[in-house]
Amino acid sequence: MTEDPMVAALLRERQSLVQSGLTDRVAQVDEQLKAHGHTPPADDKPAPAAKPSRATAPKGRQQKPAETT
């Protein structure tokens, strides 16, 4: 990794933008990385969506009853 906090922040932002598919913003962050003397990574493919950690809803929760007036 890098010891420059600005480069580290830009790399984190870039990773988030790649995940979101915002390629125009990725290009802007790449320009900033180059301005700080860092070569941007070449991996521009978003990661596959994460699967939910639970297959079923938590047990023991009940819907709040409708209020009648």
N, C-alpha and C. Protein backbone atom coordinates (compact mmCIF):
# COMPACT_ATOMS: atom_id res chain seq x y z
N MET A 1 0.84 -1.18 0.00
CA MET A 1 0.00 0.00 0.00
C MET A 1 0.88 1.23 0.00
N THR A 2 0.33 2.36 0.25
CA THR A 2 1.07 3.61 0.22
C THR A 2 1.02 4.28 1.58
N GLU A 3 2.02 5.10 1.85
CA GLU A 3 2.04 5.82 3.12
C GLU A 3 1.45 7.22 2.98
N ASP A 4 1.22 7.66 1.74
CA ASP A 4 0.62 8.97 1.51
C ASP A 4 -0.89 8.88 1.78
N PRO A 5 -1.40 9.61 2.77
CA PRO A 5 -2.82 9.50 3.10
C PRO A 5 -3.74 9.94 1.96
N MET A 6 -3.31 10.91 1.16
CA MET A 6 -4.14 11.37 0.05
C MET A 6 -4.27 10.28 -1.01
N VAL A 7 -3.17 9.62 -1.34
CA VAL A 7 -3.20 8.54 -2.32
C VAL A 7 -4.05 7.39 -1.79
N ALA A 8 -3.91 7.08 -0.51
CA ALA A 8 -4.71 6.00 0.08
C ALA A 8 -6.20 6.33 0.00
N ALA A 9 -6.55 7.57 0.28
CA ALA A 9 -7.96 7.98 0.20
C ALA A 9 -8.47 7.92 -1.24
N LEU A 10 -7.65 8.36 -2.17
CA LEU A 10 -8.05 8.31 -3.58
C LEU A 10 -8.23 6.87 -4.05
N LEU A 11 -7.37 5.97 -3.61
CA LEU A 11 -7.50 4.57 -3.98
C LEU A 11 -8.78 3.96 -3.42
N ARG A 12 -9.13 4.31 -2.18
CA ARG A 12 -10.38 3.82 -1.59
C ARG A 12 -11.58 4.38 -2.36
N GLU A 13 -11.52 5.68 -2.68
CA GLU A 13 -12.62 6.29 -3.44
C GLU A 13 -12.74 5.63 -4.82
N ARG A 14 -11.60 5.38 -5.45
CA ARG A 14 -11.60 4.77 -6.78
C ARG A 14 -12.24 3.39 -6.73
N GLN A 15 -11.89 2.61 -5.71
CA GLN A 15 -12.45 1.26 -5.57
C GLN A 15 -13.97 1.33 -5.44
N SER A 16 -14.46 2.27 -4.66
CA SER A 16 -15.90 2.43 -4.49
C SER A 16 -16.57 2.84 -5.80
N LEU A 17 -15.92 3.72 -6.54
CA LEU A 17 -16.48 4.17 -7.81
C LEU A 17 -16.51 3.05 -8.84
N VAL A 18 -15.48 2.21 -8.85
CA VAL A 18 -15.46 1.07 -9.76
C VAL A 18 -16.61 0.13 -9.40
N GLN A 19 -16.83 -0.11 -8.11
CA GLN A 19 -17.92 -0.98 -7.66
C GLN A 19 -19.27 -0.43 -8.13
N SER A 20 -19.39 0.91 -8.12
CA SER A 20 -20.65 1.55 -8.50
C SER A 20 -20.81 1.70 -10.01
N GLY A 21 -19.73 1.45 -10.75
CA GLY A 21 -19.80 1.57 -12.20
C GLY A 21 -19.71 2.99 -12.72
N LEU A 22 -19.19 3.91 -11.93
CA LEU A 22 -19.08 5.32 -12.32
C LEU A 22 -17.74 5.57 -13.02
N THR A 23 -17.66 5.15 -14.27
CA THR A 23 -16.38 5.19 -14.98
C THR A 23 -15.88 6.61 -15.22
N ASP A 24 -16.77 7.58 -15.38
CA ASP A 24 -16.31 8.95 -15.58
C ASP A 24 -15.62 9.48 -14.33
N ARG A 25 -16.15 9.15 -13.16
CA ARG A 25 -15.51 9.58 -11.91
C ARG A 25 -14.22 8.82 -11.66
N VAL A 26 -14.15 7.55 -12.08
CA VAL A 26 -12.92 6.77 -11.95
C VAL A 26 -11.81 7.46 -12.72
N ALA A 27 -12.12 7.95 -13.91
CA ALA A 27 -11.12 8.65 -14.73
C ALA A 27 -10.63 9.92 -14.02
N GLN A 28 -11.53 10.62 -13.36
CA GLN A 28 -11.14 11.83 -12.63
C GLN A 28 -10.22 11.49 -11.45
N VAL A 29 -10.54 10.43 -10.75
CA VAL A 29 -9.70 10.00 -9.63
C VAL A 29 -8.35 9.54 -10.14
N ASP A 30 -8.33 8.85 -11.30
CA ASP A 30 -7.06 8.43 -11.90
C ASP A 30 -6.17 9.64 -12.20
N GLU A 31 -6.76 10.73 -12.68
CA GLU A 31 -5.99 11.94 -12.95
C GLU A 31 -5.37 12.47 -11.66
N GLN A 32 -6.13 12.44 -10.58
CA GLN A 32 -5.61 12.92 -9.30
C GLN A 32 -4.50 12.02 -8.78
N LEU A 33 -4.66 10.71 -8.98
CA LEU A 33 -3.61 9.77 -8.56
C LEU A 33 -2.32 10.06 -9.33
N LYS A 34 -2.43 10.31 -10.64
CA LYS A 34 -1.25 10.63 -11.44
C LYS A 34 -0.62 11.93 -10.97
N ALA A 35 -1.44 12.91 -10.60
CA ALA A 35 -0.93 14.19 -10.11
C ALA A 35 -0.15 14.01 -8.81
N HIS A 36 -0.48 12.98 -8.05
CA HIS A 36 0.21 12.69 -6.79
C HIS A 36 1.34 11.69 -6.99
N GLY A 37 1.65 11.39 -8.25
CA GLY A 37 2.79 10.51 -8.55
C GLY A 37 2.51 9.04 -8.37
N HIS A 38 1.25 8.63 -8.46
CA HIS A 38 0.89 7.23 -8.27
C HIS A 38 0.24 6.71 -9.55
N THR A 39 0.61 5.52 -9.98
CA THR A 39 0.01 4.91 -11.16
C THR A 39 -1.30 4.23 -10.75
N PRO A 40 -2.41 4.58 -11.40
CA PRO A 40 -3.69 3.95 -11.04
C PRO A 40 -3.69 2.46 -11.35
N PRO A 41 -4.40 1.67 -10.57
CA PRO A 41 -4.50 0.23 -10.84
C PRO A 41 -5.22 -0.01 -12.16
N ALA A 42 -4.98 -1.16 -12.76
CA ALA A 42 -5.58 -1.48 -14.06
C ALA A 42 -6.88 -2.26 -13.94
N ASP A 43 -7.28 -2.64 -12.74
CA ASP A 43 -8.51 -3.45 -12.58
C ASP A 43 -9.74 -2.56 -12.51
N ASP A 44 -10.46 -2.47 -13.61
CA ASP A 44 -11.64 -1.62 -13.67
C ASP A 44 -12.94 -2.41 -13.73
N LYS A 45 -12.90 -3.68 -13.36
CA LYS A 45 -14.09 -4.50 -13.41
C LYS A 45 -14.76 -4.51 -12.04
N PRO A 46 -16.04 -4.16 -11.97
CA PRO A 46 -16.72 -4.21 -10.68
C PRO A 46 -16.83 -5.64 -10.17
N ALA A 47 -16.72 -5.79 -8.90
CA ALA A 47 -16.83 -7.12 -8.28
C ALA A 47 -18.28 -7.57 -8.34
N PRO A 48 -18.52 -8.87 -8.36
CA PRO A 48 -19.90 -9.35 -8.36
C PRO A 48 -20.60 -8.96 -7.07
N ALA A 49 -21.90 -8.80 -7.16
CA ALA A 49 -22.68 -8.40 -5.99
C ALA A 49 -22.58 -9.47 -4.91
N ALA A 50 -22.49 -9.03 -3.69
CA ALA A 50 -22.37 -9.96 -2.56
C ALA A 50 -23.71 -10.64 -2.32
N LYS A 51 -23.65 -11.91 -1.96
CA LYS A 51 -24.86 -12.64 -1.65
C LYS A 51 -25.30 -12.28 -0.24
N PRO A 52 -26.61 -12.27 0.02
CA PRO A 52 -27.06 -11.99 1.38
C PRO A 52 -26.51 -13.03 2.36
N SER A 53 -26.24 -12.59 3.56
CA SER A 53 -25.65 -13.49 4.55
C SER A 53 -26.66 -14.46 5.14
N ARG A 54 -27.93 -14.15 5.01
CA ARG A 54 -28.96 -15.02 5.56
C ARG A 54 -29.93 -15.43 4.46
N ALA A 55 -30.33 -16.67 4.47
CA ALA A 55 -31.29 -17.15 3.48
C ALA A 55 -32.73 -16.86 3.91
N THR A 56 -32.95 -16.76 5.21
CA THR A 56 -34.30 -16.49 5.72
C THR A 56 -34.26 -15.30 6.65
N ALA A 57 -35.42 -14.72 6.86
CA ALA A 57 -35.53 -13.57 7.76
C ALA A 57 -35.34 -14.02 9.21
N PRO A 58 -34.89 -13.12 10.06
CA PRO A 58 -34.73 -13.47 11.47
C PRO A 58 -36.07 -13.87 12.09
N LYS A 59 -36.03 -14.86 12.96
CA LYS A 59 -37.26 -15.33 13.61
C LYS A 59 -37.57 -14.45 14.81
N GLY A 60 -38.82 -14.45 15.20
CA GLY A 60 -39.23 -13.74 16.40
C GLY A 60 -39.67 -12.31 16.17
N ARG A 61 -39.65 -11.88 14.93
CA ARG A 61 -40.12 -10.52 14.67
C ARG A 61 -41.55 -10.57 14.18
N GLN A 62 -42.36 -9.66 14.71
CA GLN A 62 -43.75 -9.62 14.31
C GLN A 62 -44.08 -8.23 13.78
N GLN A 63 -45.03 -8.20 12.88
CA GLN A 63 -45.45 -6.94 12.32
C GLN A 63 -46.26 -6.18 13.35
N LYS A 64 -46.07 -4.88 13.40
CA LYS A 64 -46.82 -4.06 14.33
C LYS A 64 -48.28 -4.04 13.92
N PRO A 65 -49.21 -4.28 14.85
CA PRO A 65 -50.62 -4.29 14.49
C PRO A 65 -51.09 -2.89 14.03
N ALA A 66 -52.01 -2.86 13.10
CA ALA A 66 -52.54 -1.59 12.59
C ALA A 66 -53.34 -0.92 13.70
N GLU A 67 -53.20 0.39 13.78
CA GLU A 67 -53.94 1.15 14.78
C GLU A 67 -55.34 1.41 14.29
N THR A 68 -56.30 1.22 15.16
CA THR A 68 -57.70 1.51 14.81
C THR A 68 -58.19 2.63 15.70
N THR A 69 -58.93 3.53 15.10
CA THR A 69 -59.45 4.66 15.90
C THR A 69 -60.92 4.75 15.84
